[in-house]
Amino acid sequence: MSRASSARPVLRLVAFGASNLTPELGTLAAAVRAAAGGPVDVLAACGHGRSYGVWSRYLAVRALPGIRDCALWRALDERPPLPTIALLMDVGNDVAYGVPPELINQWIDHCLRRLLAVPARVAVVLPPAARIEALAGWQFQIAKWLLFPLRNLDAETVKRRLRSVHDHLRTRAKEAGVDPIVVEPSWLGVDPIHFHTRGRSALRSALLDRWQLPDADPSPGKTTPLTLRGAQAAETRWLGWARHVRQPVRILPDGTSISLF
């Protein structure tokens, strides 16, 4: 952990997601810091396989709490007010876990309401329902084997439930005055849910636009992705053993801090 400066953050980023947000977080945080022109306070709840409402495991080894009830909310309440931007994405895992759309929608509504009450300028990324619906039967089976090999997933059920979650989130976002981001098929890689490098760049530009931040590189040194390798969330379970890590896990010389939950 680097020694922090006394500079006060000029902006707070709150980000929720799963396997698309996890590899992108350092780059996104750097882009936000450059656009904001000063240090940023980053609070993120992400991680491969992350659920919005229940504990979820990755590779049967690491487990993380549901986003709705994780410690990020308490940390957010305890921190001094700041202009805040927020991201809500990767809502499809719970469909693969067999959670009914009605319950997933409740979890998402809860998170969206709390973000709007901060208040925060919220960006919502819709799940790639159209890409999933376009999969042929054999393509769906390959994707299932690659992404959720231990789940007994029926293609038509997954497509129907994901469309329900997609439409609900789009409606709730628009009711809240949020213009949701529709994932373009060209942004996705070989599998139907993960962004490739150019797709992540396109998403980043769309997010900065929704947050009304300039998509520019005013200071090249500040746009280098922030390193998060080895950083651990505040609460995890490894092979069933609870582990707690003090946050923030990164404090940079300019005062930027990153906390994971």
Protein backbone atom coordinates (compact mmCIF):
# COMPACT_ATOMS: atom_id res chain seq x y z
CA MET A 1 0.00 0.00 0.00
CA SER A 2 1.44 3.35 -1.05
CA ARG A 3 1.64 6.28 1.30
CA ALA A 4 -1.38 8.53 0.89
CA SER A 5 -1.19 12.26 0.32
CA SER A 6 -3.36 14.69 2.20
CA ALA A 7 -5.31 15.50 -0.97
CA ARG A 8 -9.03 15.04 -0.58
CA PRO A 9 -10.74 12.96 -3.29
CA VAL A 10 -12.67 15.05 -5.78
CA LEU A 11 -14.99 12.23 -6.86
CA ARG A 12 -16.27 8.85 -5.65
CA LEU A 13 -16.82 5.84 -7.91
CA VAL A 14 -19.10 3.04 -6.67
CA ALA A 15 -19.08 0.02 -8.98
CA PHE A 16 -21.04 -3.25 -8.92
CA GLY A 17 -20.38 -6.14 -11.25
CA ALA A 18 -18.85 -9.56 -11.77
CA SER A 19 -16.41 -11.03 -14.29
CA ASN A 20 -16.66 -8.13 -16.76
CA LEU A 21 -15.99 -5.47 -14.15
CA THR A 22 -13.18 -7.33 -12.35
CA PRO A 23 -10.49 -7.10 -15.08
CA GLU A 24 -11.69 -3.63 -16.09
CA LEU A 25 -11.76 -1.96 -12.68
CA GLY A 26 -8.16 -0.73 -12.63
CA THR A 27 -8.42 0.77 -16.11
CA LEU A 28 -11.82 2.29 -15.42
CA ALA A 29 -10.62 3.82 -12.15
CA ALA A 30 -7.62 5.33 -13.95
CA ALA A 31 -9.85 6.79 -16.67
CA VAL A 32 -12.20 8.28 -14.07
CA ARG A 33 -9.25 9.74 -12.14
CA ALA A 34 -7.86 11.35 -15.30
CA ALA A 35 -11.25 12.75 -16.27
CA ALA A 36 -11.94 14.06 -12.76
CA GLY A 37 -8.57 15.80 -12.60
CA GLY A 38 -7.82 14.63 -9.07
CA PRO A 39 -7.85 11.71 -6.65
CA VAL A 40 -10.83 9.37 -6.65
CA ASP A 41 -12.36 7.26 -3.89
CA VAL A 42 -13.25 3.89 -5.44
CA LEU A 43 -15.59 1.40 -3.76
CA ALA A 44 -16.26 -1.75 -5.75
CA ALA A 45 -18.12 -4.99 -5.24
CA CYS A 46 -17.16 -7.35 -8.04
CA GLY A 47 -15.55 -10.73 -8.65
CA HIS A 48 -15.95 -13.67 -10.99
CA GLY A 49 -19.31 -15.33 -10.54
CA ARG A 50 -20.60 -12.56 -8.26
CA SER A 51 -24.26 -12.69 -7.25
CA TYR A 52 -26.38 -9.68 -6.42
CA GLY A 53 -28.18 -11.40 -3.58
CA VAL A 54 -26.48 -14.54 -2.24
CA TRP A 55 -23.00 -15.87 -1.47
CA SER A 56 -21.41 -17.17 -4.68
CA ARG A 57 -18.38 -19.39 -5.27
CA TYR A 58 -15.69 -19.25 -7.92
CA LEU A 59 -13.89 -22.50 -8.86
CA ALA A 60 -15.40 -24.00 -5.67
CA VAL A 61 -12.66 -22.23 -3.68
CA ARG A 62 -13.41 -18.55 -3.13
CA ALA A 63 -16.81 -17.24 -2.06
CA LEU A 64 -18.08 -13.66 -1.92
CA PRO A 65 -21.22 -12.23 -0.31
CA GLY A 66 -24.13 -10.97 -2.37
CA ILE A 67 -23.77 -7.36 -3.51
CA ARG A 68 -27.06 -6.30 -1.93
CA ASP A 69 -25.87 -7.13 1.60
CA CYS A 70 -22.09 -6.65 1.36
CA ALA A 71 -20.10 -4.28 3.56
CA LEU A 72 -19.77 -1.66 0.81
CA TRP A 73 -23.04 -0.05 1.83
CA ARG A 74 -21.90 0.48 5.41
CA ALA A 75 -18.58 1.90 4.22
CA LEU A 76 -20.42 4.25 1.89
CA ASP A 77 -22.67 5.48 4.69
CA GLU A 78 -19.68 6.11 6.95
CA ARG A 79 -17.61 8.13 4.47
CA PRO A 80 -17.94 11.89 4.07
CA PRO A 81 -20.15 13.09 1.21
CA LEU A 82 -18.55 13.46 -2.22
CA PRO A 83 -19.84 13.91 -5.75
CA THR A 84 -20.53 10.30 -6.71
CA ILE A 85 -20.82 8.27 -9.88
CA ALA A 86 -21.95 4.67 -9.86
CA LEU A 87 -22.02 1.60 -12.10
CA LEU A 88 -24.40 -1.34 -12.05
CA MET A 89 -23.59 -4.19 -14.46
CA ASP A 90 -23.17 -7.99 -14.80
CA VAL A 91 -26.61 -8.94 -13.54
CA GLY A 92 -26.83 -12.24 -15.42
CA ASN A 93 -25.02 -14.67 -13.10
CA ASP A 94 -28.05 -15.13 -10.88
CA VAL A 95 -30.06 -16.37 -13.87
CA ALA A 96 -27.47 -19.12 -14.35
CA TYR A 97 -27.70 -19.92 -10.63
CA GLY A 98 -31.42 -20.64 -11.05
CA VAL A 99 -32.69 -17.61 -9.11
CA PRO A 100 -36.20 -16.58 -10.25
CA PRO A 101 -36.29 -13.29 -12.18
CA GLU A 102 -38.68 -11.77 -9.64
CA LEU A 103 -36.10 -12.15 -6.87
CA ILE A 104 -33.21 -10.93 -9.04
CA ASN A 105 -35.27 -7.87 -9.91
CA GLN A 106 -35.85 -7.15 -6.22
CA TRP A 107 -32.10 -7.27 -5.55
CA ILE A 108 -31.35 -4.97 -8.48
CA ASP A 109 -34.11 -2.54 -7.49
CA HIS A 110 -32.70 -2.37 -3.97
CA CYS A 111 -29.20 -1.52 -5.22
CA LEU A 112 -30.45 1.01 -7.76
CA ARG A 113 -32.63 2.80 -5.19
CA ARG A 114 -29.76 3.07 -2.73
CA LEU A 115 -27.37 4.41 -5.35
CA LEU A 116 -29.87 7.03 -6.48
CA ALA A 117 -30.44 8.06 -2.85
CA VAL A 118 -26.70 8.75 -2.28
CA PRO A 119 -27.21 10.68 -4.66
CA ALA A 120 -25.11 9.31 -7.50
CA ARG A 121 -25.03 9.68 -11.27
CA VAL A 122 -25.76 6.04 -12.09
CA ALA A 123 -24.76 4.16 -15.25
CA VAL A 124 -26.63 0.90 -15.89
CA VAL A 125 -25.31 -1.74 -18.28
CA LEU A 126 -28.01 -4.11 -19.49
CA PRO A 127 -27.27 -7.84 -19.76
CA PRO A 128 -26.61 -9.10 -23.32
CA ALA A 129 -30.01 -10.73 -23.70
CA ALA A 130 -30.08 -10.37 -27.49
CA ARG A 131 -26.72 -12.13 -27.86
CA ILE A 132 -27.87 -15.02 -25.64
CA GLU A 133 -31.18 -15.32 -27.49
CA ALA A 134 -29.35 -15.57 -30.83
CA LEU A 135 -27.38 -18.64 -29.75
CA ALA A 136 -28.18 -21.87 -31.50
CA GLY A 137 -28.67 -24.93 -29.33
CA TRP A 138 -25.13 -26.22 -29.82
CA GLN A 139 -23.67 -22.74 -29.19
CA PHE A 140 -25.59 -22.50 -25.93
CA GLN A 141 -24.28 -25.89 -24.81
CA ILE A 142 -20.68 -24.86 -25.52
CA ALA A 143 -21.16 -21.58 -23.65
CA LYS A 144 -22.73 -23.44 -20.72
CA TRP A 145 -19.83 -25.89 -20.61
CA LEU A 146 -17.28 -23.05 -20.66
CA LEU A 147 -18.98 -20.67 -18.22
CA PHE A 148 -21.20 -22.73 -15.91
CA PRO A 149 -20.13 -26.38 -16.33
CA LEU A 150 -21.71 -27.55 -13.08
CA ARG A 151 -25.12 -25.98 -13.74
CA ASN A 152 -28.01 -27.85 -15.31
CA LEU A 153 -29.23 -25.05 -17.56
CA ASP A 154 -32.09 -25.21 -20.02
CA ALA A 155 -31.57 -22.85 -22.95
CA GLU A 156 -35.14 -21.65 -23.29
CA THR A 157 -35.49 -21.06 -19.55
CA VAL A 158 -32.24 -19.08 -19.38
CA LYS A 159 -33.18 -16.97 -22.39
CA ARG A 160 -36.66 -16.24 -21.04
CA ARG A 161 -35.40 -15.35 -17.57
CA LEU A 162 -32.53 -13.21 -18.81
CA ARG A 163 -34.92 -11.28 -21.07
CA SER A 164 -37.19 -10.70 -18.08
CA VAL A 165 -34.30 -9.30 -16.02
CA HIS A 166 -33.09 -7.22 -18.98
CA ASP A 167 -36.50 -5.66 -19.60
CA HIS A 168 -37.12 -5.00 -15.92
CA LEU A 169 -33.75 -3.29 -15.44
CA ARG A 170 -34.25 -1.19 -18.57
CA THR A 171 -37.68 -0.08 -17.35
CA ARG A 172 -36.51 0.74 -13.83
CA ALA A 173 -33.49 2.66 -15.13
CA LYS A 174 -35.60 4.77 -17.47
CA GLU A 175 -38.14 5.45 -14.73
CA ALA A 176 -35.24 6.79 -12.65
CA GLY A 177 -34.06 9.02 -15.49
CA VAL A 178 -31.08 6.77 -16.30
CA ASP A 179 -30.33 6.01 -19.95
CA PRO A 180 -29.18 2.37 -19.83
CA ILE A 181 -26.26 1.14 -21.91
CA VAL A 182 -27.17 -1.57 -24.41
CA VAL A 183 -24.31 -4.00 -24.98
CA GLU A 184 -23.47 -4.17 -28.68
CA PRO A 185 -22.82 -7.71 -29.97
CA SER A 186 -19.52 -6.45 -31.42
CA TRP A 187 -18.29 -5.65 -27.88
CA LEU A 188 -18.40 -9.29 -26.84
CA GLY A 189 -15.74 -11.93 -27.32
CA VAL A 190 -15.86 -15.62 -28.17
CA ASP A 191 -18.30 -16.40 -25.39
CA PRO A 192 -21.62 -14.55 -25.30
CA ILE A 193 -21.23 -12.60 -22.05
CA HIS A 194 -17.65 -11.32 -21.77
CA PHE A 195 -16.22 -8.18 -23.38
CA HIS A 196 -13.11 -8.32 -25.54
CA THR A 197 -10.46 -5.58 -25.35
CA ARG A 198 -12.08 -3.24 -27.89
CA GLY A 199 -15.45 -3.88 -26.31
CA ARG A 200 -14.17 -2.85 -22.89
CA SER A 201 -12.82 0.35 -24.43
CA ALA A 202 -16.19 1.07 -26.04
CA LEU A 203 -17.97 0.39 -22.76
CA ARG A 204 -15.58 2.70 -20.91
CA SER A 205 -16.35 5.53 -23.33
CA ALA A 206 -20.07 4.93 -22.92
CA LEU A 207 -19.72 5.04 -19.12
CA LEU A 208 -17.78 8.31 -19.15
CA ASP A 209 -20.49 9.74 -21.38
CA ARG A 210 -23.27 8.68 -18.99
CA TRP A 211 -21.32 10.15 -16.08
CA GLN A 212 -20.77 13.37 -18.03
CA LEU A 213 -17.00 13.04 -17.68
CA PRO A 214 -14.59 13.88 -20.52
CA ASP A 215 -13.22 10.88 -22.39
CA ALA A 216 -9.72 12.31 -22.65
CA ASP A 217 -6.15 11.76 -21.50
CA PRO A 218 -5.20 15.11 -19.94
CA SER A 219 -2.39 13.53 -17.96
CA PRO A 220 -0.87 10.38 -19.53
CA GLY A 221 0.69 9.24 -16.26
CA LYS A 222 -2.71 9.14 -14.62
CA THR A 223 -4.29 6.91 -17.28
CA THR A 224 -2.09 3.88 -16.61
CA PRO A 225 -4.38 1.14 -15.23
CA LEU A 226 -4.28 0.98 -11.45
CA THR A 227 -2.72 -2.29 -10.30
CA LEU A 228 -5.07 -4.51 -8.30
CA ARG A 229 -3.26 -7.83 -8.56
CA GLY A 230 -3.44 -9.63 -5.25
CA ALA A 231 -6.00 -7.21 -3.80
CA GLN A 232 -8.62 -8.97 -1.67
CA ALA A 233 -12.19 -8.05 -0.80
CA ALA A 234 -13.18 -7.05 2.72
CA GLU A 235 -14.98 -10.35 3.35
CA THR A 236 -14.37 -13.65 1.62
CA ARG A 237 -14.50 -17.35 2.33
CA TRP A 238 -11.71 -19.64 1.14
CA LEU A 239 -12.64 -23.32 1.25
CA GLY A 240 -15.20 -22.32 3.87
CA TRP A 241 -12.79 -20.32 6.04
CA ALA A 242 -13.77 -16.69 6.61
CA ARG A 243 -11.21 -14.05 5.80
CA HIS A 244 -11.44 -10.33 6.54
CA VAL A 245 -9.18 -7.75 4.90
CA ARG A 246 -8.91 -4.15 6.00
CA GLN A 247 -9.91 -1.59 3.39
CA PRO A 248 -8.85 0.29 1.36
CA VAL A 249 -6.50 -2.20 -0.25
CA ARG A 250 -4.78 0.47 -2.33
CA ILE A 251 -3.94 4.07 -1.43
CA LEU A 252 -2.00 5.88 -4.15
CA PRO A 253 0.38 8.83 -3.69
CA ASP A 254 -2.14 11.32 -5.08
CA GLY A 255 -4.79 10.29 -2.54
CA THR A 256 -6.75 7.91 -4.76
CA SER A 257 -8.00 4.91 -2.77
CA ILE A 258 -9.55 1.61 -3.80
CA SER A 259 -11.73 -0.50 -1.51
CA LEU A 260 -13.07 -3.90 -2.46
CA PHE A 261 -16.09 -5.60 -0.92
